[in-house]
Amino acid sequence: MELIKVKEAAALLGISASTLYTWRWKYPERLSCYVYGDKEARGYHYDKAEVLAYIAGSKTKDGAA
């Protein structure tokens, strides 16, 4: 498993990091994340394979996202 930071995951998805933070808060079922550290030094990471699978699953039959 390769964990990536929020900015890298957002770049792969073609969205901003703030949008990804919003997804985590409002739509936690979209992508799971891993949380490290305590409240003051919390870090969020995503499984790169899961992000890529989400992208692949988001395509329509004509190939458009």
N, C-alpha and C. Protein backbone atom coordinates (compact mmCIF):
# COMPACT_ATOMS: atom_id res chain seq x y z
N MET A 1 0.85 -1.17 0.00
CA MET A 1 0.00 0.00 0.00
C MET A 1 0.90 1.23 0.00
N GLU A 2 0.60 2.15 -0.91
CA GLU A 2 1.33 3.42 -0.98
C GLU A 2 0.40 4.53 -0.51
N LEU A 3 0.75 5.14 0.61
CA LEU A 3 -0.06 6.24 1.12
C LEU A 3 0.45 7.56 0.56
N ILE A 4 -0.49 8.42 0.16
CA ILE A 4 -0.14 9.72 -0.38
C ILE A 4 -0.85 10.81 0.43
N LYS A 5 -0.26 11.99 0.41
CA LYS A 5 -0.82 13.12 1.16
C LYS A 5 -2.02 13.71 0.42
N VAL A 6 -2.74 14.55 1.12
CA VAL A 6 -3.96 15.16 0.59
C VAL A 6 -3.70 15.89 -0.72
N LYS A 7 -2.65 16.68 -0.80
CA LYS A 7 -2.39 17.46 -2.00
C LYS A 7 -2.14 16.56 -3.21
N GLU A 8 -1.42 15.46 -3.01
CA GLU A 8 -1.16 14.55 -4.11
C GLU A 8 -2.44 13.83 -4.54
N ALA A 9 -3.24 13.41 -3.57
CA ALA A 9 -4.51 12.76 -3.90
C ALA A 9 -5.42 13.71 -4.66
N ALA A 10 -5.49 14.95 -4.20
CA ALA A 10 -6.32 15.95 -4.87
C ALA A 10 -5.84 16.19 -6.30
N ALA A 11 -4.54 16.24 -6.50
CA ALA A 11 -3.99 16.46 -7.83
C ALA A 11 -4.36 15.30 -8.76
N LEU A 12 -4.29 14.08 -8.27
CA LEU A 12 -4.68 12.93 -9.08
C LEU A 12 -6.16 13.00 -9.47
N LEU A 13 -6.97 13.48 -8.54
CA LEU A 13 -8.41 13.58 -8.77
C LEU A 13 -8.79 14.80 -9.61
N GLY A 14 -7.87 15.75 -9.75
CA GLY A 14 -8.15 16.96 -10.50
C GLY A 14 -9.03 17.94 -9.74
N ILE A 15 -8.91 17.91 -8.41
CA ILE A 15 -9.68 18.81 -7.55
C ILE A 15 -8.72 19.50 -6.59
N SER A 16 -9.22 20.49 -5.87
CA SER A 16 -8.37 21.17 -4.89
C SER A 16 -8.32 20.36 -3.59
N ALA A 17 -7.30 20.62 -2.81
CA ALA A 17 -7.18 19.96 -1.51
C ALA A 17 -8.37 20.31 -0.62
N SER A 18 -8.87 21.53 -0.72
CA SER A 18 -10.01 21.92 0.12
C SER A 18 -11.27 21.14 -0.28
N THR A 19 -11.42 20.83 -1.57
CA THR A 19 -12.55 20.00 -1.99
C THR A 19 -12.43 18.61 -1.42
N LEU A 20 -11.22 18.07 -1.41
CA LEU A 20 -11.01 16.74 -0.85
C LEU A 20 -11.30 16.74 0.65
N TYR A 21 -10.93 17.80 1.35
CA TYR A 21 -11.26 17.91 2.77
C TYR A 21 -12.78 17.93 2.96
N THR A 22 -13.47 18.65 2.08
CA THR A 22 -14.93 18.71 2.16
C THR A 22 -15.53 17.33 1.92
N TRP A 23 -15.01 16.60 0.94
CA TRP A 23 -15.49 15.24 0.69
C TRP A 23 -15.33 14.38 1.93
N ARG A 24 -14.18 14.50 2.59
CA ARG A 24 -13.92 13.69 3.77
C ARG A 24 -14.94 13.98 4.87
N TRP A 25 -15.33 15.22 4.98
CA TRP A 25 -16.26 15.62 6.03
C TRP A 25 -17.71 15.30 5.64
N LYS A 26 -18.13 15.66 4.41
CA LYS A 26 -19.52 15.50 4.00
C LYS A 26 -19.84 14.14 3.38
N TYR A 27 -18.86 13.54 2.70
CA TYR A 27 -19.09 12.29 1.97
C TYR A 27 -17.99 11.27 2.29
N PRO A 28 -17.90 10.83 3.52
CA PRO A 28 -16.79 9.94 3.91
C PRO A 28 -16.81 8.60 3.17
N GLU A 29 -17.94 8.24 2.59
CA GLU A 29 -18.01 6.97 1.87
C GLU A 29 -17.31 7.00 0.51
N ARG A 30 -17.01 8.19 -0.01
CA ARG A 30 -16.34 8.29 -1.32
C ARG A 30 -14.95 7.70 -1.29
N LEU A 31 -14.13 8.16 -0.37
CA LEU A 31 -12.75 7.70 -0.24
C LEU A 31 -12.40 7.61 1.23
N SER A 32 -11.87 6.48 1.63
CA SER A 32 -11.42 6.38 3.02
C SER A 32 -10.03 6.99 3.14
N CYS A 33 -9.72 7.47 4.32
CA CYS A 33 -8.40 8.04 4.54
C CYS A 33 -7.83 7.50 5.84
N TYR A 34 -6.53 7.66 5.98
CA TYR A 34 -5.81 7.25 7.16
C TYR A 34 -5.40 8.49 7.92
N VAL A 35 -5.63 8.48 9.23
CA VAL A 35 -5.34 9.64 10.06
C VAL A 35 -4.17 9.31 10.97
N TYR A 36 -3.20 10.21 10.99
CA TYR A 36 -2.01 10.05 11.84
C TYR A 36 -1.87 11.26 12.75
N GLY A 37 -1.37 11.03 13.94
CA GLY A 37 -1.06 12.12 14.86
C GLY A 37 -2.23 12.51 15.74
N ASP A 38 -1.93 13.43 16.65
CA ASP A 38 -2.96 13.91 17.56
C ASP A 38 -3.66 15.12 16.96
N LYS A 39 -4.55 15.73 17.72
CA LYS A 39 -5.36 16.82 17.21
C LYS A 39 -4.53 18.00 16.69
N GLU A 40 -3.41 18.30 17.34
CA GLU A 40 -2.59 19.45 16.96
C GLU A 40 -1.72 19.15 15.72
N ALA A 41 -1.36 17.89 15.51
CA ALA A 41 -0.46 17.55 14.41
C ALA A 41 -1.05 16.42 13.56
N ARG A 42 -2.33 16.53 13.29
CA ARG A 42 -3.02 15.48 12.54
C ARG A 42 -2.67 15.53 11.07
N GLY A 43 -2.48 14.38 10.48
CA GLY A 43 -2.21 14.28 9.06
C GLY A 43 -3.12 13.25 8.42
N TYR A 44 -3.58 13.54 7.23
CA TYR A 44 -4.47 12.63 6.51
C TYR A 44 -3.75 12.10 5.28
N HIS A 45 -3.90 10.82 5.03
CA HIS A 45 -3.27 10.18 3.88
C HIS A 45 -4.30 9.28 3.20
N TYR A 46 -4.11 9.09 1.91
CA TYR A 46 -4.99 8.24 1.12
C TYR A 46 -4.18 7.12 0.48
N ASP A 47 -4.83 5.99 0.28
CA ASP A 47 -4.22 4.87 -0.43
C ASP A 47 -4.26 5.22 -1.92
N LYS A 48 -3.10 5.32 -2.55
CA LYS A 48 -3.02 5.73 -3.95
C LYS A 48 -3.84 4.79 -4.85
N ALA A 49 -3.77 3.50 -4.60
CA ALA A 49 -4.53 2.53 -5.40
C ALA A 49 -6.03 2.78 -5.29
N GLU A 50 -6.50 3.16 -4.11
CA GLU A 50 -7.93 3.44 -3.92
C GLU A 50 -8.33 4.71 -4.66
N VAL A 51 -7.47 5.71 -4.65
CA VAL A 51 -7.75 6.95 -5.39
C VAL A 51 -7.83 6.65 -6.89
N LEU A 52 -6.88 5.87 -7.39
CA LEU A 52 -6.89 5.52 -8.82
C LEU A 52 -8.11 4.67 -9.18
N ALA A 53 -8.52 3.77 -8.29
CA ALA A 53 -9.71 2.97 -8.52
C ALA A 53 -10.96 3.85 -8.54
N TYR A 54 -11.01 4.85 -7.67
CA TYR A 54 -12.14 5.78 -7.66
C TYR A 54 -12.22 6.52 -8.99
N ILE A 55 -11.07 6.95 -9.49
CA ILE A 55 -11.03 7.65 -10.77
C ILE A 55 -11.53 6.73 -11.88
N ALA A 56 -11.04 5.51 -11.91
CA ALA A 56 -11.45 4.54 -12.94
C ALA A 56 -12.94 4.25 -12.86
N GLY A 57 -13.47 4.17 -11.67
CA GLY A 57 -14.90 3.90 -11.48
C GLY A 57 -15.79 5.08 -11.79
N SER A 58 -15.21 6.26 -11.92
CA SER A 58 -15.98 7.47 -12.18
C SER A 58 -16.18 7.74 -13.67
N LYS A 59 -15.51 6.97 -14.52
CA LYS A 59 -15.62 7.19 -15.96
C LYS A 59 -16.95 6.66 -16.48
N THR A 60 -17.48 7.35 -17.48
CA THR A 60 -18.69 6.88 -18.15
C THR A 60 -18.30 5.92 -19.27
N LYS A 61 -19.26 5.31 -19.90
CA LYS A 61 -18.97 4.34 -20.95
C LYS A 61 -18.26 4.97 -22.15
N ASP A 62 -18.46 6.27 -22.37
CA ASP A 62 -17.79 6.91 -23.50
C ASP A 62 -16.38 7.40 -23.14
N GLY A 63 -15.96 7.12 -21.90
CA GLY A 63 -14.60 7.47 -21.48
C GLY A 63 -14.48 8.82 -20.81
N ALA A 64 -15.54 9.61 -20.81
CA ALA A 64 -15.51 10.92 -20.15
C ALA A 64 -15.71 10.74 -18.66
N ALA A 65 -15.13 11.64 -17.90
CA ALA A 65 -15.28 11.57 -16.44
C ALA A 65 -16.54 12.28 -16.02
